[in-house]
Amino acid sequence: MKGQMDVSTPQEYIEALDEPRRSQIVEMDALIRRAAPGLTPHVGAGMLAYGSYHYRSKSGREGEWFVLGLASNKQAISLYVTAGDGERYLVERYADRLGTVNVGKSCIRFKRVDDLDRDAVVQLIQEAVQVLPTMPGITVTG
């Protein structure tokens, strides 16, 4: 990702942010940790990451990735939810319930936490944690 911070812990990531973005990320971090307490927080791909999994694609490509990602980008905060239901990403299925946000395939972009429907986001996160281990080629590792 463009503009990644050189940090190694979630606390360093948060401390490197300026206000008002820092407070927004702290609030989202707390929401994610409450909704998915079993996912280990860390820094991955230059952002806050929660949990990890090993994937193997049909083509044989393998790697490690995070279950959830939270990034403070220039224009917005991005929440990445990498789980799908077999036909599409869960974010796409929840799109009309998430609030005043911009939704991509697996990404929710928003300016402030108050733009989100927190209940819908919590449901999305909890479903992602349940669904991810059942996806083909996925082994949740942390």
C-alpha atoms as a PDB file:
ATOM      1  CA  MET A   1       0.000   0.000   0.000  1.00  0.00           C
ATOM      2  CA  LYS A   2       1.129   3.513  -0.738  1.00  0.00           C
ATOM      3  CA  GLY A   3       2.310   5.541   2.255  1.00  0.00           C
ATOM      4  CA  GLN A   4       2.735   2.653   4.703  1.00  0.00           C
ATOM      5  CA  MET A   5       4.047   3.606   8.130  1.00  0.00           C
ATOM      6  CA  ASP A   6       7.229   2.059   9.452  1.00  0.00           C
ATOM      7  CA  VAL A   7       5.809   0.598  12.665  1.00  0.00           C
ATOM      8  CA  SER A   8       5.877  -2.863  14.175  1.00  0.00           C
ATOM      9  CA  THR A   9       3.117  -2.905  16.815  1.00  0.00           C
ATOM     10  CA  PRO A  10      -0.525  -1.834  16.879  1.00  0.00           C
ATOM     11  CA  GLN A  11       0.281   0.707  19.606  1.00  0.00           C
ATOM     12  CA  GLU A  12       3.047   2.262  17.474  1.00  0.00           C
ATOM     13  CA  TYR A  13       0.656   2.455  14.527  1.00  0.00           C
ATOM     14  CA  ILE A  14      -1.951   4.297  16.587  1.00  0.00           C
ATOM     15  CA  GLU A  15       0.597   6.628  18.204  1.00  0.00           C
ATOM     16  CA  ALA A  16       1.949   7.616  14.773  1.00  0.00           C
ATOM     17  CA  LEU A  17      -1.441   9.035  13.738  1.00  0.00           C
ATOM     18  CA  ASP A  18      -2.484  12.660  14.137  1.00  0.00           C
ATOM     19  CA  GLU A  19      -5.797  13.728  15.612  1.00  0.00           C
ATOM     20  CA  PRO A  20      -8.629  13.491  14.817  1.00  0.00           C
ATOM     21  CA  ARG A  21      -7.785  10.291  12.925  1.00  0.00           C
ATOM     22  CA  ARG A  22      -6.044   8.728  15.945  1.00  0.00           C
ATOM     23  CA  SER A  23      -9.250   8.843  18.024  1.00  0.00           C
ATOM     24  CA  GLN A  24     -11.246   7.322  15.163  1.00  0.00           C
ATOM     25  CA  ILE A  25      -8.780   4.431  14.781  1.00  0.00           C
ATOM     26  CA  VAL A  26      -8.727   3.874  18.562  1.00  0.00           C
ATOM     27  CA  GLU A  27     -12.533   3.621  18.530  1.00  0.00           C
ATOM     28  CA  MET A  28     -12.535   1.173  15.595  1.00  0.00           C
ATOM     29  CA  ASP A  29      -9.727  -0.872  17.149  1.00  0.00           C
ATOM     30  CA  ALA A  30     -11.785  -1.241  20.344  1.00  0.00           C
ATOM     31  CA  LEU A  31     -14.897  -2.211  18.356  1.00  0.00           C
ATOM     32  CA  ILE A  32     -12.979  -4.871  16.410  1.00  0.00           C
ATOM     33  CA  ARG A  33     -11.338  -6.289  19.530  1.00  0.00           C
ATOM     34  CA  ARG A  34     -14.733  -6.574  21.269  1.00  0.00           C
ATOM     35  CA  ALA A  35     -16.419  -8.133  18.223  1.00  0.00           C
ATOM     36  CA  ALA A  36     -13.595 -10.594  17.511  1.00  0.00           C
ATOM     37  CA  PRO A  37     -11.645 -11.180  20.738  1.00  0.00           C
ATOM     38  CA  GLY A  38     -10.046 -14.353  19.358  1.00  0.00           C
ATOM     39  CA  LEU A  39      -8.154 -12.515  16.592  1.00  0.00           C
ATOM     40  CA  THR A  40      -4.625 -11.503  17.525  1.00  0.00           C
ATOM     41  CA  PRO A  41      -3.911  -7.816  16.731  1.00  0.00           C
ATOM     42  CA  HIS A  42      -0.694  -7.096  14.834  1.00  0.00           C
ATOM     43  CA  VAL A  43       0.643  -4.926  12.026  1.00  0.00           C
ATOM     44  CA  GLY A  44       0.424  -6.401   8.549  1.00  0.00           C
ATOM     45  CA  ALA A  45       0.709  -4.845   5.104  1.00  0.00           C
ATOM     46  CA  GLY A  46       1.349  -1.476   6.787  1.00  0.00           C
ATOM     47  CA  MET A  47      -1.944  -1.380   8.690  1.00  0.00           C
ATOM     48  CA  LEU A  48      -3.579  -2.718  11.815  1.00  0.00           C
ATOM     49  CA  ALA A  49      -4.379  -6.373  11.225  1.00  0.00           C
ATOM     50  CA  TYR A  50      -6.410  -8.864  13.236  1.00  0.00           C
ATOM     51  CA  GLY A  51      -5.895 -12.602  13.041  1.00  0.00           C
ATOM     52  CA  SER A  52      -4.183 -14.404  10.216  1.00  0.00           C
ATOM     53  CA  TYR A  53      -4.789 -17.262   7.870  1.00  0.00           C
ATOM     54  CA  HIS A  54      -2.918 -19.361   5.369  1.00  0.00           C
ATOM     55  CA  TYR A  55      -4.463 -19.568   1.919  1.00  0.00           C
ATOM     56  CA  ARG A  56      -3.928 -21.810  -1.070  1.00  0.00           C
ATOM     57  CA  SER A  57      -5.578 -20.762  -4.335  1.00  0.00           C
ATOM     58  CA  LYS A  58      -6.800 -23.119  -7.042  1.00  0.00           C
ATOM     59  CA  SER A  59      -3.696 -22.200  -9.064  1.00  0.00           C
ATOM     60  CA  GLY A  60      -1.465 -23.388  -6.194  1.00  0.00           C
ATOM     61  CA  ARG A  61      -0.407 -19.946  -4.968  1.00  0.00           C
ATOM     62  CA  GLU A  62      -0.008 -19.832  -1.172  1.00  0.00           C
ATOM     63  CA  GLY A  63       0.469 -17.111   1.400  1.00  0.00           C
ATOM     64  CA  GLU A  64      -0.476 -15.557   4.727  1.00  0.00           C
ATOM     65  CA  TRP A  65      -3.015 -12.755   5.112  1.00  0.00           C
ATOM     66  CA  PHE A  66      -5.090 -11.102   7.820  1.00  0.00           C
ATOM     67  CA  VAL A  67      -8.744 -11.771   8.656  1.00  0.00           C
ATOM     68  CA  LEU A  68      -9.487  -8.065   9.248  1.00  0.00           C
ATOM     69  CA  GLY A  69      -7.429  -4.984   8.397  1.00  0.00           C
ATOM     70  CA  LEU A  70      -7.826  -1.364   9.520  1.00  0.00           C
ATOM     71  CA  ALA A  71      -5.968   1.419   7.718  1.00  0.00           C
ATOM     72  CA  SER A  72      -5.793   5.155   8.097  1.00  0.00           C
ATOM     73  CA  ASN A  73      -5.497   6.313   4.494  1.00  0.00           C
ATOM     74  CA  LYS A  74      -5.219   9.861   3.201  1.00  0.00           C
ATOM     75  CA  GLN A  75      -8.884  10.306   2.269  1.00  0.00           C
ATOM     76  CA  ALA A  76     -10.629   7.804   4.553  1.00  0.00           C
ATOM     77  CA  ILE A  77     -10.390   4.995   7.059  1.00  0.00           C
ATOM     78  CA  SER A  78     -10.569   1.559   5.446  1.00  0.00           C
ATOM     79  CA  LEU A  79     -11.806  -1.632   7.072  1.00  0.00           C
ATOM     80  CA  TYR A  80     -10.899  -4.758   5.108  1.00  0.00           C
ATOM     81  CA  VAL A  81     -12.920  -7.946   5.704  1.00  0.00           C
ATOM     82  CA  THR A  82     -11.516 -10.798   3.647  1.00  0.00           C
ATOM     83  CA  ALA A  83     -14.194 -13.460   4.196  1.00  0.00           C
ATOM     84  CA  GLY A  84     -16.768 -14.494   1.621  1.00  0.00           C
ATOM     85  CA  ASP A  85     -19.855 -16.652   1.458  1.00  0.00           C
ATOM     86  CA  GLY A  86     -18.835 -18.656  -1.608  1.00  0.00           C
ATOM     87  CA  GLU A  87     -20.390 -16.251  -4.090  1.00  0.00           C
ATOM     88  CA  ARG A  88     -19.136 -12.842  -2.960  1.00  0.00           C
ATOM     89  CA  TYR A  89     -17.341 -11.026  -0.164  1.00  0.00           C
ATOM     90  CA  LEU A  90     -19.390 -10.498   2.989  1.00  0.00           C
ATOM     91  CA  VAL A  91     -18.810  -6.732   2.729  1.00  0.00           C
ATOM     92  CA  GLU A  92     -20.750  -6.719  -0.538  1.00  0.00           C
ATOM     93  CA  ARG A  93     -23.639  -8.564   1.084  1.00  0.00           C
ATOM     94  CA  TYR A  94     -23.759  -6.112   4.022  1.00  0.00           C
ATOM     95  CA  ALA A  95     -23.255  -2.973   1.863  1.00  0.00           C
ATOM     96  CA  ASP A  96     -26.751  -1.530   2.236  1.00  0.00           C
ATOM     97  CA  ARG A  97     -26.661  -1.918   6.046  1.00  0.00           C
ATOM     98  CA  LEU A  98     -23.257  -0.399   6.840  1.00  0.00           C
ATOM     99  CA  GLY A  99     -24.146   3.303   6.966  1.00  0.00           C
ATOM    100  CA  THR A 100     -22.836   6.321   5.075  1.00  0.00           C
ATOM    101  CA  VAL A 101     -19.812   4.545   3.616  1.00  0.00           C
ATOM    102  CA  ASN A 102     -18.158   3.638   0.332  1.00  0.00           C
ATOM    103  CA  VAL A 103     -18.001  -0.121  -0.212  1.00  0.00           C
ATOM    104  CA  GLY A 104     -15.671  -2.143  -2.412  1.00  0.00           C
ATOM    105  CA  LYS A 105     -15.505  -5.923  -2.743  1.00  0.00           C
ATOM    106  CA  SER A 106     -13.872  -6.479   0.643  1.00  0.00           C
ATOM    107  CA  CYS A 107     -13.375  -2.906   1.879  1.00  0.00           C
ATOM    108  CA  ILE A 108     -15.468  -0.362   3.760  1.00  0.00           C
ATOM    109  CA  ARG A 109     -14.232   3.242   3.467  1.00  0.00           C
ATOM    110  CA  PHE A 110     -15.532   5.948   5.784  1.00  0.00           C
ATOM    111  CA  LYS A 111     -14.505   9.349   7.181  1.00  0.00           C
ATOM    112  CA  ARG A 112     -15.675   8.898  10.783  1.00  0.00           C
ATOM    113  CA  VAL A 113     -16.802   5.988  12.929  1.00  0.00           C
ATOM    114  CA  ASP A 114     -20.146   7.771  13.367  1.00  0.00           C
ATOM    115  CA  ASP A 115     -20.737   7.198   9.633  1.00  0.00           C
ATOM    116  CA  LEU A 116     -20.978   3.452  10.326  1.00  0.00           C
ATOM    117  CA  ASP A 117     -23.907   1.418  11.551  1.00  0.00           C
ATOM    118  CA  ARG A 118     -21.905  -0.151  14.380  1.00  0.00           C
ATOM    119  CA  ASP A 119     -24.364  -3.028  14.925  1.00  0.00           C
ATOM    120  CA  ALA A 120     -24.100  -4.054  11.256  1.00  0.00           C
ATOM    121  CA  VAL A 121     -20.293  -3.808  11.367  1.00  0.00           C
ATOM    122  CA  VAL A 122     -20.151  -5.989  14.486  1.00  0.00           C
ATOM    123  CA  GLN A 123     -22.413  -8.571  12.813  1.00  0.00           C
ATOM    124  CA  LEU A 124     -20.220  -8.487   9.698  1.00  0.00           C
ATOM    125  CA  ILE A 125     -17.039  -8.998  11.732  1.00  0.00           C
ATOM    126  CA  GLN A 126     -18.530 -11.835  13.747  1.00  0.00           C
ATOM    127  CA  GLU A 127     -19.819 -13.570  10.617  1.00  0.00           C
ATOM    128  CA  ALA A 128     -16.414 -13.184   8.942  1.00  0.00           C
ATOM    129  CA  VAL A 129     -14.728 -14.881  11.907  1.00  0.00           C
ATOM    130  CA  GLN A 130     -17.186 -17.788  11.658  1.00  0.00           C
ATOM    131  CA  VAL A 131     -17.183 -18.116   7.860  1.00  0.00           C
ATOM    132  CA  LEU A 132     -13.481 -17.749   7.044  1.00  0.00           C
ATOM    133  CA  PRO A 133     -12.384 -21.169   8.388  1.00  0.00           C
ATOM    134  CA  THR A 134     -15.014 -22.859   6.203  1.00  0.00           C
ATOM    135  CA  MET A 135     -13.754 -21.296   2.963  1.00  0.00           C
ATOM    136  CA  PRO A 136     -11.883 -23.647   0.580  1.00  0.00           C
ATOM    137  CA  GLY A 137      -8.102 -23.410   0.814  1.00  0.00           C
ATOM    138  CA  ILE A 138      -8.163 -21.453   4.118  1.00  0.00           C
ATOM    139  CA  THR A 139      -6.523 -22.428   7.397  1.00  0.00           C
ATOM    140  CA  VAL A 140      -6.923 -19.839  10.172  1.00  0.00           C
ATOM    141  CA  THR A 141      -3.660 -19.586  12.094  1.00  0.00           C
ATOM    142  CA  GLY A 142      -4.221 -16.826  14.632  1.00  0.00           C
END
